[in-house]
Amino acid sequence: MQSWNRYIKDFVSFLKIERGLAENSIFAYQNDVKKLMDYCAALNVSPKDVTANHLKKFVTELYDLGLSARTQSRIISGIKQFYYFLVLEGEIKDDPSELIETPRVGRKLPEVLSIEEVDALIAAIDLSTDQGHRNKAILETLYSCGLRVSELVNLEFEQLFFDEGFIRVIGKGNKQRLVPVSPSVKKEIEIYTKSVRNHQKIKPGNESYVFLNRRGAKLTRVMIFTIIKNLVEKIGLQKNVSPHTFRHSFATHLLEGGANLRAIQEMLGHESITTTEIYTHLDQQFLKEAIISFHPRNKRS
């Protein structure tokens, strides 16, 4: 880790003094290399020991997060600049990033919403109806927690740990993870629960589910798609938006904001955490700080 920090510090000096780049560009390059540093630190690999294979796996993980081609290209560009610098300085002989390709134009990638588009969709919700308060809570939860649609419709009250600042998510294969919860999610779920849900007649067997339809039953996946489709049409957004789009946007905005790649992977459930480990996990505070510090929703809270 020390060698990474030293080389990154020298790289920043190079960008500032010899390249004369603006502070924003230098900060972006530095953040891009730090993402690779975080990835390699877990493998105990130093900057000089990084191979093309390490970089290919790193790029694959960026793709698996559903990041836009633009974001992937920018990160890869920063890493290429870093290794160009190390070759220039004589620290390494061969550049491991030389054969790493940036995403091709037209490569099929998930849609990603801008922060402004997320705001516009949420602002378009009609809060004069009971369903409006529920729908706002749903979109805030999808975007601020990066949930899959199946995880959202199956979310139960016993999974909400608002006092601790987390929700416990049950994902694919019944794997569990903790996701830090933003103040906006807590606020909207509490408004929906107190002003709408508590006054509903709930269908037997559905009492534990957070989000219910008008008949007091658990929402279906199709209903979530319909809610989002109607809002997209309402604001005239020319994008193919689904519940999963909010999950990809969650990952992209965190990464672009400077969050640690490993933290994002864990919050998305790309790594399994057993029930016991959830409550003794050393990274709980680390994950919480990552989302509280870097998610756009929290920056405005």
C-alpha atoms as a PDB file:
ATOM      1  CA  MET A   1       0.000   0.000   0.000  1.00  0.00           C
ATOM      2  CA  GLN A   2       2.867   2.363   0.789  1.00  0.00           C
ATOM      3  CA  SER A   3       4.365   1.875  -2.676  1.00  0.00           C
ATOM      4  CA  TRP A   4       0.990   2.682  -4.257  1.00  0.00           C
ATOM      5  CA  ASN A   5       0.666   5.904  -2.270  1.00  0.00           C
ATOM      6  CA  ARG A   6       4.239   6.946  -3.123  1.00  0.00           C
ATOM      7  CA  TYR A   7       3.825   6.316  -6.849  1.00  0.00           C
ATOM      8  CA  ILE A   8       0.443   8.058  -6.918  1.00  0.00           C
ATOM      9  CA  LYS A   9       1.961  11.084  -5.168  1.00  0.00           C
ATOM     10  CA  ASP A  10       4.750  11.204  -7.767  1.00  0.00           C
ATOM     11  CA  PHE A  11       2.188  10.751 -10.553  1.00  0.00           C
ATOM     12  CA  VAL A  12       0.198  13.738  -9.272  1.00  0.00           C
ATOM     13  CA  SER A  13       3.344  15.857  -9.233  1.00  0.00           C
ATOM     14  CA  PHE A  14       4.078  14.782 -12.810  1.00  0.00           C
ATOM     15  CA  LEU A  15       0.573  15.741 -13.962  1.00  0.00           C
ATOM     16  CA  LYS A  16       0.788  19.081 -12.194  1.00  0.00           C
ATOM     17  CA  ILE A  17       4.320  20.164 -13.061  1.00  0.00           C
ATOM     18  CA  GLU A  18       5.198  18.472 -16.345  1.00  0.00           C
ATOM     19  CA  ARG A  19       1.743  18.109 -17.899  1.00  0.00           C
ATOM     20  CA  GLY A  20       0.313  21.319 -16.429  1.00  0.00           C
ATOM     21  CA  LEU A  21      -3.145  19.815 -16.016  1.00  0.00           C
ATOM     22  CA  ALA A  22      -5.995  21.561 -14.224  1.00  0.00           C
ATOM     23  CA  GLU A  23      -6.788  20.566 -10.633  1.00  0.00           C
ATOM     24  CA  ASN A  24     -10.046  18.843 -11.646  1.00  0.00           C
ATOM     25  CA  SER A  25      -8.274  16.671 -14.215  1.00  0.00           C
ATOM     26  CA  ILE A  26      -5.519  15.782 -11.756  1.00  0.00           C
ATOM     27  CA  PHE A  27      -8.103  14.858  -9.115  1.00  0.00           C
ATOM     28  CA  ALA A  28      -9.962  12.637 -11.635  1.00  0.00           C
ATOM     29  CA  TYR A  29      -6.759  10.807 -12.663  1.00  0.00           C
ATOM     30  CA  GLN A  30      -5.790  10.352  -9.017  1.00  0.00           C
ATOM     31  CA  ASN A  31      -9.196   8.878  -8.172  1.00  0.00           C
ATOM     32  CA  ASP A  32      -9.031   6.495 -11.134  1.00  0.00           C
ATOM     33  CA  VAL A  33      -5.665   5.103 -10.041  1.00  0.00           C
ATOM     34  CA  LYS A  34      -6.870   4.819  -6.441  1.00  0.00           C
ATOM     35  CA  LYS A  35      -9.681   2.555  -7.623  1.00  0.00           C
ATOM     36  CA  LEU A  36      -7.068   0.235  -9.108  1.00  0.00           C
ATOM     37  CA  MET A  37      -5.021   0.560  -5.904  1.00  0.00           C
ATOM     38  CA  ASP A  38      -8.001  -0.570  -3.806  1.00  0.00           C
ATOM     39  CA  TYR A  39      -8.563  -3.522  -6.120  1.00  0.00           C
ATOM     40  CA  CYS A  40      -4.900  -4.568  -6.082  1.00  0.00           C
ATOM     41  CA  ALA A  41      -4.450  -4.015  -2.366  1.00  0.00           C
ATOM     42  CA  ALA A  42      -6.919  -6.833  -1.706  1.00  0.00           C
ATOM     43  CA  LEU A  43      -4.705  -9.074  -3.868  1.00  0.00           C
ATOM     44  CA  ASN A  44      -1.509  -7.772  -2.246  1.00  0.00           C
ATOM     45  CA  VAL A  45      -0.190  -6.638  -5.639  1.00  0.00           C
ATOM     46  CA  SER A  46       2.138  -3.625  -5.910  1.00  0.00           C
ATOM     47  CA  PRO A  47       2.006  -1.142  -8.843  1.00  0.00           C
ATOM     48  CA  LYS A  48       5.146  -2.657 -10.389  1.00  0.00           C
ATOM     49  CA  ASP A  49       3.733  -6.196 -10.157  1.00  0.00           C
ATOM     50  CA  VAL A  50       0.428  -5.432 -11.897  1.00  0.00           C
ATOM     51  CA  THR A  51      -0.005  -7.484 -15.058  1.00  0.00           C
ATOM     52  CA  ALA A  52      -2.273  -7.136 -18.072  1.00  0.00           C
ATOM     53  CA  ASN A  53      -4.336  -9.976 -16.611  1.00  0.00           C
ATOM     54  CA  HIS A  54      -4.903  -8.020 -13.378  1.00  0.00           C
ATOM     55  CA  LEU A  55      -6.050  -5.034 -15.412  1.00  0.00           C
ATOM     56  CA  LYS A  56      -8.374  -7.132 -17.576  1.00  0.00           C
ATOM     57  CA  LYS A  57     -10.076  -8.543 -14.464  1.00  0.00           C
ATOM     58  CA  PHE A  58     -10.328  -5.045 -12.992  1.00  0.00           C
ATOM     59  CA  VAL A  59     -11.961  -3.737 -16.184  1.00  0.00           C
ATOM     60  CA  THR A  60     -14.338  -6.722 -16.194  1.00  0.00           C
ATOM     61  CA  GLU A  61     -15.478  -5.799 -12.686  1.00  0.00           C
ATOM     62  CA  LEU A  62     -16.134  -2.230 -13.842  1.00  0.00           C
ATOM     63  CA  TYR A  63     -18.309  -3.639 -16.618  1.00  0.00           C
ATOM     64  CA  ASP A  64     -20.119  -5.984 -14.222  1.00  0.00           C
ATOM     65  CA  LEU A  65     -21.101  -2.977 -12.122  1.00  0.00           C
ATOM     66  CA  GLY A  66     -23.038  -1.703 -15.130  1.00  0.00           C
ATOM     67  CA  LEU A  67     -20.975   1.462 -15.495  1.00  0.00           C
ATOM     68  CA  SER A  68     -21.418   3.539 -18.625  1.00  0.00           C
ATOM     69  CA  ALA A  69     -18.874   3.274 -21.435  1.00  0.00           C
ATOM     70  CA  ARG A  70     -17.893   6.889 -20.733  1.00  0.00           C
ATOM     71  CA  THR A  71     -17.111   6.149 -17.080  1.00  0.00           C
ATOM     72  CA  GLN A  72     -15.182   2.978 -17.930  1.00  0.00           C
ATOM     73  CA  SER A  73     -13.181   4.819 -20.588  1.00  0.00           C
ATOM     74  CA  ARG A  74     -12.273   7.600 -18.207  1.00  0.00           C
ATOM     75  CA  ILE A  75     -11.021   5.197 -15.534  1.00  0.00           C
ATOM     76  CA  ILE A  76      -9.008   3.169 -18.063  1.00  0.00           C
ATOM     77  CA  SER A  77      -7.551   6.387 -19.482  1.00  0.00           C
ATOM     78  CA  GLY A  78      -6.372   7.409 -16.007  1.00  0.00           C
ATOM     79  CA  ILE A  79      -4.722   4.030 -15.465  1.00  0.00           C
ATOM     80  CA  LYS A  80      -3.021   4.177 -18.865  1.00  0.00           C
ATOM     81  CA  GLN A  81      -1.616   7.616 -17.967  1.00  0.00           C
ATOM     82  CA  PHE A  82      -0.321   6.208 -14.678  1.00  0.00           C
ATOM     83  CA  TYR A  83       1.544   3.362 -16.355  1.00  0.00           C
ATOM     84  CA  TYR A  84       2.843   5.671 -19.072  1.00  0.00           C
ATOM     85  CA  PHE A  85       4.342   7.706 -16.223  1.00  0.00           C
ATOM     86  CA  LEU A  86       5.920   4.635 -14.568  1.00  0.00           C
ATOM     87  CA  VAL A  87       7.531   3.593 -17.878  1.00  0.00           C
ATOM     88  CA  LEU A  88       8.721   7.154 -18.465  1.00  0.00           C
ATOM     89  CA  GLU A  89      10.318   7.220 -15.023  1.00  0.00           C
ATOM     90  CA  GLY A  90      12.025   3.877 -15.601  1.00  0.00           C
ATOM     91  CA  GLU A  91      10.128   2.226 -12.731  1.00  0.00           C
ATOM     92  CA  ILE A  92       8.869  -0.526 -15.050  1.00  0.00           C
ATOM     93  CA  LYS A  93      10.029  -1.737 -18.448  1.00  0.00           C
ATOM     94  CA  ASP A  94       6.751  -2.943 -19.990  1.00  0.00           C
ATOM     95  CA  ASP A  95       3.388  -1.186 -19.793  1.00  0.00           C
ATOM     96  CA  PRO A  96       0.709  -3.693 -18.619  1.00  0.00           C
ATOM     97  CA  SER A  97      -2.088  -1.341 -19.745  1.00  0.00           C
ATOM     98  CA  GLU A  98      -0.898  -1.215 -23.358  1.00  0.00           C
ATOM     99  CA  LEU A  99      -3.311  -3.861 -24.624  1.00  0.00           C
ATOM    100  CA  ILE A 100      -6.263  -2.859 -22.447  1.00  0.00           C
ATOM    101  CA  GLU A 101      -9.045  -1.595 -24.685  1.00  0.00           C
ATOM    102  CA  THR A 102     -11.507   1.126 -23.819  1.00  0.00           C
ATOM    103  CA  PRO A 103     -15.182   0.205 -24.355  1.00  0.00           C
ATOM    104  CA  ARG A 104     -16.117   0.287 -28.029  1.00  0.00           C
ATOM    105  CA  VAL A 105     -18.723   2.729 -29.259  1.00  0.00           C
ATOM    106  CA  GLY A 106     -22.003   0.884 -29.583  1.00  0.00           C
ATOM    107  CA  ARG A 107     -21.092  -1.751 -27.004  1.00  0.00           C
ATOM    108  CA  LYS A 108     -24.337  -2.781 -25.360  1.00  0.00           C
ATOM    109  CA  LEU A 109     -24.368  -1.416 -21.842  1.00  0.00           C
ATOM    110  CA  PRO A 110     -27.168  -0.681 -19.391  1.00  0.00           C
ATOM    111  CA  GLU A 111     -28.705   2.782 -19.417  1.00  0.00           C
ATOM    112  CA  VAL A 112     -27.509   5.045 -16.628  1.00  0.00           C
ATOM    113  CA  LEU A 113     -29.513   8.023 -15.401  1.00  0.00           C
ATOM    114  CA  SER A 114     -27.886  11.334 -14.590  1.00  0.00           C
ATOM    115  CA  ILE A 115     -28.476  12.776 -11.123  1.00  0.00           C
ATOM    116  CA  GLU A 116     -30.725  15.396 -12.732  1.00  0.00           C
ATOM    117  CA  GLU A 117     -32.803  12.697 -14.465  1.00  0.00           C
ATOM    118  CA  VAL A 118     -33.271  10.827 -11.181  1.00  0.00           C
ATOM    119  CA  ASP A 119     -34.397  14.083  -9.558  1.00  0.00           C
ATOM    120  CA  ALA A 120     -36.803  14.786 -12.421  1.00  0.00           C
ATOM    121  CA  LEU A 121     -38.402  11.334 -12.195  1.00  0.00           C
ATOM    122  CA  ILE A 122     -38.912  11.626  -8.449  1.00  0.00           C
ATOM    123  CA  ALA A 123     -40.203  15.195  -8.765  1.00  0.00           C
ATOM    124  CA  ALA A 124     -42.803  13.999 -11.304  1.00  0.00           C
ATOM    125  CA  ILE A 125     -44.526  11.800  -8.717  1.00  0.00           C
ATOM    126  CA  ASP A 126     -47.995  13.055  -7.755  1.00  0.00           C
ATOM    127  CA  LEU A 127     -47.878  13.317  -3.963  1.00  0.00           C
ATOM    128  CA  SER A 128     -51.566  14.210  -3.725  1.00  0.00           C
ATOM    129  CA  THR A 129     -52.339  10.473  -3.918  1.00  0.00           C
ATOM    130  CA  ASP A 130     -51.572   7.698  -1.439  1.00  0.00           C
ATOM    131  CA  GLN A 131     -49.736   5.798  -4.159  1.00  0.00           C
ATOM    132  CA  GLY A 132     -47.574   8.857  -4.764  1.00  0.00           C
ATOM    133  CA  HIS A 133     -46.023   8.692  -1.305  1.00  0.00           C
ATOM    134  CA  ARG A 134     -45.442   4.962  -1.752  1.00  0.00           C
ATOM    135  CA  ASN A 135     -43.886   5.452  -5.198  1.00  0.00           C
ATOM    136  CA  LYS A 136     -41.544   8.163  -3.944  1.00  0.00           C
ATOM    137  CA  ALA A 137     -40.360   5.849  -1.158  1.00  0.00           C
ATOM    138  CA  ILE A 138     -39.860   3.076  -3.737  1.00  0.00           C
ATOM    139  CA  LEU A 139     -37.728   5.184  -6.092  1.00  0.00           C
ATOM    140  CA  GLU A 140     -35.671   6.640  -3.252  1.00  0.00           C
ATOM    141  CA  THR A 141     -34.983   3.113  -1.999  1.00  0.00           C
ATOM    142  CA  LEU A 142     -34.053   1.768  -5.442  1.00  0.00           C
ATOM    143  CA  TYR A 143     -31.683   4.647  -6.131  1.00  0.00           C
ATOM    144  CA  SER A 144     -30.171   5.199  -2.692  1.00  0.00           C
ATOM    145  CA  CYS A 145     -29.686   1.510  -1.842  1.00  0.00           C
ATOM    146  CA  GLY A 146     -29.014  -0.047  -5.256  1.00  0.00           C
ATOM    147  CA  LEU A 147     -31.549  -2.848  -4.767  1.00  0.00           C
ATOM    148  CA  ARG A 148     -32.665  -5.393  -7.340  1.00  0.00           C
ATOM    149  CA  VAL A 149     -36.405  -5.186  -8.041  1.00  0.00           C
ATOM    150  CA  SER A 150     -36.942  -8.608  -6.406  1.00  0.00           C
ATOM    151  CA  GLU A 151     -35.161  -7.375  -3.263  1.00  0.00           C
ATOM    152  CA  LEU A 152     -37.386  -4.301  -3.168  1.00  0.00           C
ATOM    153  CA  VAL A 153     -40.755  -6.054  -3.475  1.00  0.00           C
ATOM    154  CA  ASN A 154     -39.714  -8.610  -0.841  1.00  0.00           C
ATOM    155  CA  LEU A 155     -38.389  -6.013   1.616  1.00  0.00           C
ATOM    156  CA  GLU A 156     -39.844  -6.576   5.104  1.00  0.00           C
ATOM    157  CA  PHE A 157     -39.948  -4.343   8.172  1.00  0.00           C
ATOM    158  CA  GLU A 158     -37.690  -6.697  10.113  1.00  0.00           C
ATOM    159  CA  GLN A 159     -34.953  -5.890   7.570  1.00  0.00           C
ATOM    160  CA  LEU A 160     -35.017  -2.160   8.389  1.00  0.00           C
ATOM    161  CA  PHE A 161     -32.450  -1.041  10.943  1.00  0.00           C
ATOM    162  CA  PHE A 162     -32.873   2.716  10.652  1.00  0.00           C
ATOM    163  CA  ASP A 163     -31.378   3.472  14.076  1.00  0.00           C
ATOM    164  CA  GLU A 164     -28.178   1.689  13.036  1.00  0.00           C
ATOM    165  CA  GLY A 165     -28.305   3.251   9.558  1.00  0.00           C
ATOM    166  CA  PHE A 166     -28.656   0.009   7.558  1.00  0.00           C
ATOM    167  CA  ILE A 167     -31.160  -2.225   5.826  1.00  0.00           C
ATOM    168  CA  ARG A 168     -30.555  -5.973   5.623  1.00  0.00           C
ATOM    169  CA  VAL A 169     -31.066  -7.156   2.067  1.00  0.00           C
ATOM    170  CA  ILE A 170     -31.780 -10.754   1.086  1.00  0.00           C
ATOM    171  CA  GLY A 171     -30.430 -11.213  -2.431  1.00  0.00           C
ATOM    172  CA  LYS A 172     -29.874 -14.002  -4.926  1.00  0.00           C
ATOM    173  CA  GLY A 173     -29.404 -17.445  -3.432  1.00  0.00           C
ATOM    174  CA  ASN A 174     -30.744 -16.151  -0.101  1.00  0.00           C
ATOM    175  CA  LYS A 175     -27.423 -14.335   0.451  1.00  0.00           C
ATOM    176  CA  GLN A 176     -27.652 -11.469   2.892  1.00  0.00           C
ATOM    177  CA  ARG A 177     -25.888  -8.128   3.000  1.00  0.00           C
ATOM    178  CA  LEU A 178     -26.149  -4.836   4.814  1.00  0.00           C
ATOM    179  CA  VAL A 179     -26.654  -1.673   2.798  1.00  0.00           C
ATOM    180  CA  PRO A 180     -26.247   1.761   4.409  1.00  0.00           C
ATOM    181  CA  VAL A 181     -29.511   3.683   4.243  1.00  0.00           C
ATOM    182  CA  SER A 182     -29.710   7.392   3.442  1.00  0.00           C
ATOM    183  CA  PRO A 183     -31.772   9.895   5.474  1.00  0.00           C
ATOM    184  CA  SER A 184     -34.004  10.411   2.398  1.00  0.00           C
ATOM    185  CA  VAL A 185     -34.963   6.701   2.318  1.00  0.00           C
ATOM    186  CA  LYS A 186     -35.691   6.648   6.052  1.00  0.00           C
ATOM    187  CA  LYS A 187     -37.797   9.806   5.728  1.00  0.00           C
ATOM    188  CA  GLU A 188     -39.858   8.638   2.718  1.00  0.00           C
ATOM    189  CA  ILE A 189     -40.531   5.139   4.098  1.00  0.00           C
ATOM    190  CA  GLU A 190     -41.648   6.629   7.417  1.00  0.00           C
ATOM    191  CA  ILE A 191     -43.957   9.129   5.666  1.00  0.00           C
ATOM    192  CA  TYR A 192     -45.478   6.354   3.534  1.00  0.00           C
ATOM    193  CA  THR A 193     -45.861   4.007   6.502  1.00  0.00           C
ATOM    194  CA  LYS A 194     -47.475   6.546   8.832  1.00  0.00           C
ATOM    195  CA  SER A 195     -49.670   8.433   6.378  1.00  0.00           C
ATOM    196  CA  VAL A 196     -50.701   5.640   4.002  1.00  0.00           C
ATOM    197  CA  ARG A 197     -49.815   2.062   4.915  1.00  0.00           C
ATOM    198  CA  ASN A 198     -51.011   2.238   8.532  1.00  0.00           C
ATOM    199  CA  HIS A 199     -54.497   3.145   7.271  1.00  0.00           C
ATOM    200  CA  GLN A 200     -54.765   0.295   4.756  1.00  0.00           C
ATOM    201  CA  LYS A 201     -56.650  -2.933   5.163  1.00  0.00           C
ATOM    202  CA  ILE A 202     -53.837  -5.456   4.709  1.00  0.00           C
ATOM    203  CA  LYS A 203     -54.416  -8.811   3.054  1.00  0.00           C
ATOM    204  CA  PRO A 204     -53.553 -11.697   5.424  1.00  0.00           C
ATOM    205  CA  GLY A 205     -49.993 -12.917   4.925  1.00  0.00           C
ATOM    206  CA  ASN A 206     -48.741  -9.537   3.682  1.00  0.00           C
ATOM    207  CA  GLU A 207     -48.382  -7.742   7.015  1.00  0.00           C
ATOM    208  CA  SER A 208     -44.584  -7.869   7.053  1.00  0.00           C
ATOM    209  CA  TYR A 209     -43.937  -6.373   3.605  1.00  0.00           C
ATOM    210  CA  VAL A 210     -42.998  -2.701   3.447  1.00  0.00           C
ATOM    211  CA  PHE A 211     -44.537  -1.829   0.076  1.00  0.00           C
ATOM    212  CA  LEU A 212     -48.137  -2.806  -0.663  1.00  0.00           C
ATOM    213  CA  ASN A 213     -50.578  -2.270  -3.525  1.00  0.00           C
ATOM    214  CA  ARG A 214     -54.021  -0.665  -3.145  1.00  0.00           C
ATOM    215  CA  ARG A 215     -55.531  -4.001  -2.137  1.00  0.00           C
ATOM    216  CA  GLY A 216     -53.071  -4.402   0.723  1.00  0.00           C
ATOM    217  CA  ALA A 217     -50.968  -7.098  -0.937  1.00  0.00           C
ATOM    218  CA  LYS A 218     -47.257  -7.255  -1.766  1.00  0.00           C
ATOM    219  CA  LEU A 219     -46.299  -5.411  -4.935  1.00  0.00           C
ATOM    220  CA  THR A 220     -45.269  -7.402  -7.998  1.00  0.00           C
ATOM    221  CA  ARG A 221     -42.150  -6.849 -10.074  1.00  0.00           C
ATOM    222  CA  VAL A 222     -44.364  -5.847 -13.018  1.00  0.00           C
ATOM    223  CA  MET A 223     -45.971  -3.099 -10.945  1.00  0.00           C
ATOM    224  CA  ILE A 224     -42.561  -1.530 -10.213  1.00  0.00           C
ATOM    225  CA  PHE A 225     -41.752  -1.559 -13.940  1.00  0.00           C
ATOM    226  CA  THR A 226     -45.133   0.088 -14.655  1.00  0.00           C
ATOM    227  CA  ILE A 227     -44.621   2.832 -12.052  1.00  0.00           C
ATOM    228  CA  ILE A 228     -41.245   3.728 -13.566  1.00  0.00           C
ATOM    229  CA  LYS A 229     -42.476   3.491 -17.170  1.00  0.00           C
ATOM    230  CA  ASN A 230     -45.307   5.939 -16.441  1.00  0.00           C
ATOM    231  CA  LEU A 231     -42.931   8.451 -14.840  1.00  0.00           C
ATOM    232  CA  VAL A 232     -40.480   8.177 -17.758  1.00  0.00           C
ATOM    233  CA  GLU A 233     -43.323   8.931 -20.194  1.00  0.00           C
ATOM    234  CA  LYS A 234     -44.570  11.771 -17.993  1.00  0.00           C
ATOM    235  CA  ILE A 235     -41.276  13.699 -18.183  1.00  0.00           C
ATOM    236  CA  GLY A 236     -40.576  12.696 -21.804  1.00  0.00           C
ATOM    237  CA  LEU A 237     -37.297  10.955 -20.986  1.00  0.00           C
ATOM    238  CA  GLN A 238     -35.852   9.282 -24.085  1.00  0.00           C
ATOM    239  CA  LYS A 239     -34.169   6.375 -22.322  1.00  0.00           C
ATOM    240  CA  ASN A 240     -35.037   2.744 -21.749  1.00  0.00           C
ATOM    241  CA  VAL A 241     -35.464   2.900 -17.974  1.00  0.00           C
ATOM    242  CA  SER A 242     -36.223  -0.073 -15.731  1.00  0.00           C
ATOM    243  CA  PRO A 243     -35.846  -0.696 -11.976  1.00  0.00           C
ATOM    244  CA  HIS A 244     -32.362  -2.072 -12.729  1.00  0.00           C
ATOM    245  CA  THR A 245     -31.426   1.288 -14.250  1.00  0.00           C
ATOM    246  CA  PHE A 246     -31.574   2.797 -10.765  1.00  0.00           C
ATOM    247  CA  ARG A 247     -29.200   0.080  -9.516  1.00  0.00           C
ATOM    248  CA  HIS A 248     -26.688   0.850 -12.276  1.00  0.00           C
ATOM    249  CA  SER A 249     -27.069   4.578 -11.632  1.00  0.00           C
ATOM    250  CA  PHE A 250     -26.439   3.971  -7.916  1.00  0.00           C
ATOM    251  CA  ALA A 251     -23.132   2.227  -8.721  1.00  0.00           C
ATOM    252  CA  THR A 252     -22.070   4.756 -11.344  1.00  0.00           C
ATOM    253  CA  HIS A 253     -22.748   7.827  -9.220  1.00  0.00           C
ATOM    254  CA  LEU A 254     -20.939   6.345  -6.226  1.00  0.00           C
ATOM    255  CA  LEU A 255     -17.907   5.411  -8.324  1.00  0.00           C
ATOM    256  CA  GLU A 256     -17.819   8.763 -10.118  1.00  0.00           C
ATOM    257  CA  GLY A 257     -18.068  10.462  -6.735  1.00  0.00           C
ATOM    258  CA  GLY A 258     -14.938   8.658  -5.545  1.00  0.00           C
ATOM    259  CA  ALA A 259     -16.297   5.650  -3.628  1.00  0.00           C
ATOM    260  CA  ASN A 260     -14.179   2.515  -3.229  1.00  0.00           C
ATOM    261  CA  LEU A 261     -14.859  -0.179  -5.861  1.00  0.00           C
ATOM    262  CA  ARG A 262     -14.895  -2.974  -3.272  1.00  0.00           C
ATOM    263  CA  ALA A 263     -17.426  -1.085  -1.141  1.00  0.00           C
ATOM    264  CA  ILE A 264     -19.743  -0.704  -4.125  1.00  0.00           C
ATOM    265  CA  GLN A 265     -19.423  -4.408  -4.992  1.00  0.00           C
ATOM    266  CA  GLU A 266     -20.374  -5.416  -1.465  1.00  0.00           C
ATOM    267  CA  MET A 267     -23.320  -3.021  -1.377  1.00  0.00           C
ATOM    268  CA  LEU A 268     -24.575  -4.479  -4.665  1.00  0.00           C
ATOM    269  CA  GLY A 269     -24.238  -7.996  -3.295  1.00  0.00           C
ATOM    270  CA  HIS A 270     -21.477  -9.134  -5.633  1.00  0.00           C
ATOM    271  CA  GLU A 271     -19.797 -10.813  -2.684  1.00  0.00           C
ATOM    272  CA  SER A 272     -21.611 -13.086  -0.233  1.00  0.00           C
ATOM    273  CA  ILE A 273     -21.807 -12.325   3.455  1.00  0.00           C
ATOM    274  CA  THR A 274     -23.250 -14.934   5.799  1.00  0.00           C
ATOM    275  CA  THR A 275     -25.840 -14.036   8.409  1.00  0.00           C
ATOM    276  CA  THR A 276     -23.334 -14.150  11.270  1.00  0.00           C
ATOM    277  CA  GLU A 277     -20.691 -12.183   9.407  1.00  0.00           C
ATOM    278  CA  ILE A 278     -23.170  -9.396   8.682  1.00  0.00           C
ATOM    279  CA  TYR A 279     -23.251  -8.386  12.322  1.00  0.00           C
ATOM    280  CA  THR A 280     -19.541  -8.803  13.001  1.00  0.00           C
ATOM    281  CA  HIS A 281     -18.253  -7.559   9.646  1.00  0.00           C
ATOM    282  CA  LEU A 282     -15.267  -5.248  10.050  1.00  0.00           C
ATOM    283  CA  ASP A 283     -16.268  -3.283   6.967  1.00  0.00           C
ATOM    284  CA  GLN A 284     -19.672  -2.141   8.232  1.00  0.00           C
ATOM    285  CA  GLN A 285     -18.485   1.334   9.142  1.00  0.00           C
ATOM    286  CA  PHE A 286     -16.351   1.460   6.000  1.00  0.00           C
ATOM    287  CA  LEU A 287     -19.360   0.697   3.797  1.00  0.00           C
ATOM    288  CA  LYS A 288     -21.538   3.159   5.657  1.00  0.00           C
ATOM    289  CA  GLU A 289     -18.973   5.925   5.254  1.00  0.00           C
ATOM    290  CA  ALA A 290     -18.609   5.112   1.556  1.00  0.00           C
ATOM    291  CA  ILE A 291     -22.286   5.584   0.743  1.00  0.00           C
ATOM    292  CA  ILE A 292     -22.863   8.467   3.153  1.00  0.00           C
ATOM    293  CA  SER A 293     -19.849  10.315   1.768  1.00  0.00           C
ATOM    294  CA  PHE A 294     -20.262   9.679  -1.947  1.00  0.00           C
ATOM    295  CA  HIS A 295     -23.949   9.128  -2.802  1.00  0.00           C
ATOM    296  CA  PRO A 296     -25.570  12.271  -4.292  1.00  0.00           C
ATOM    297  CA  ARG A 297     -28.637  11.884  -2.073  1.00  0.00           C
ATOM    298  CA  ASN A 298     -26.550  12.235   1.087  1.00  0.00           C
ATOM    299  CA  LYS A 299     -24.550  15.201  -0.147  1.00  0.00           C
ATOM    300  CA  ARG A 300     -27.770  17.165  -0.185  1.00  0.00           C
ATOM    301  CA  SER A 301     -29.228  15.907   3.078  1.00  0.00           C
END
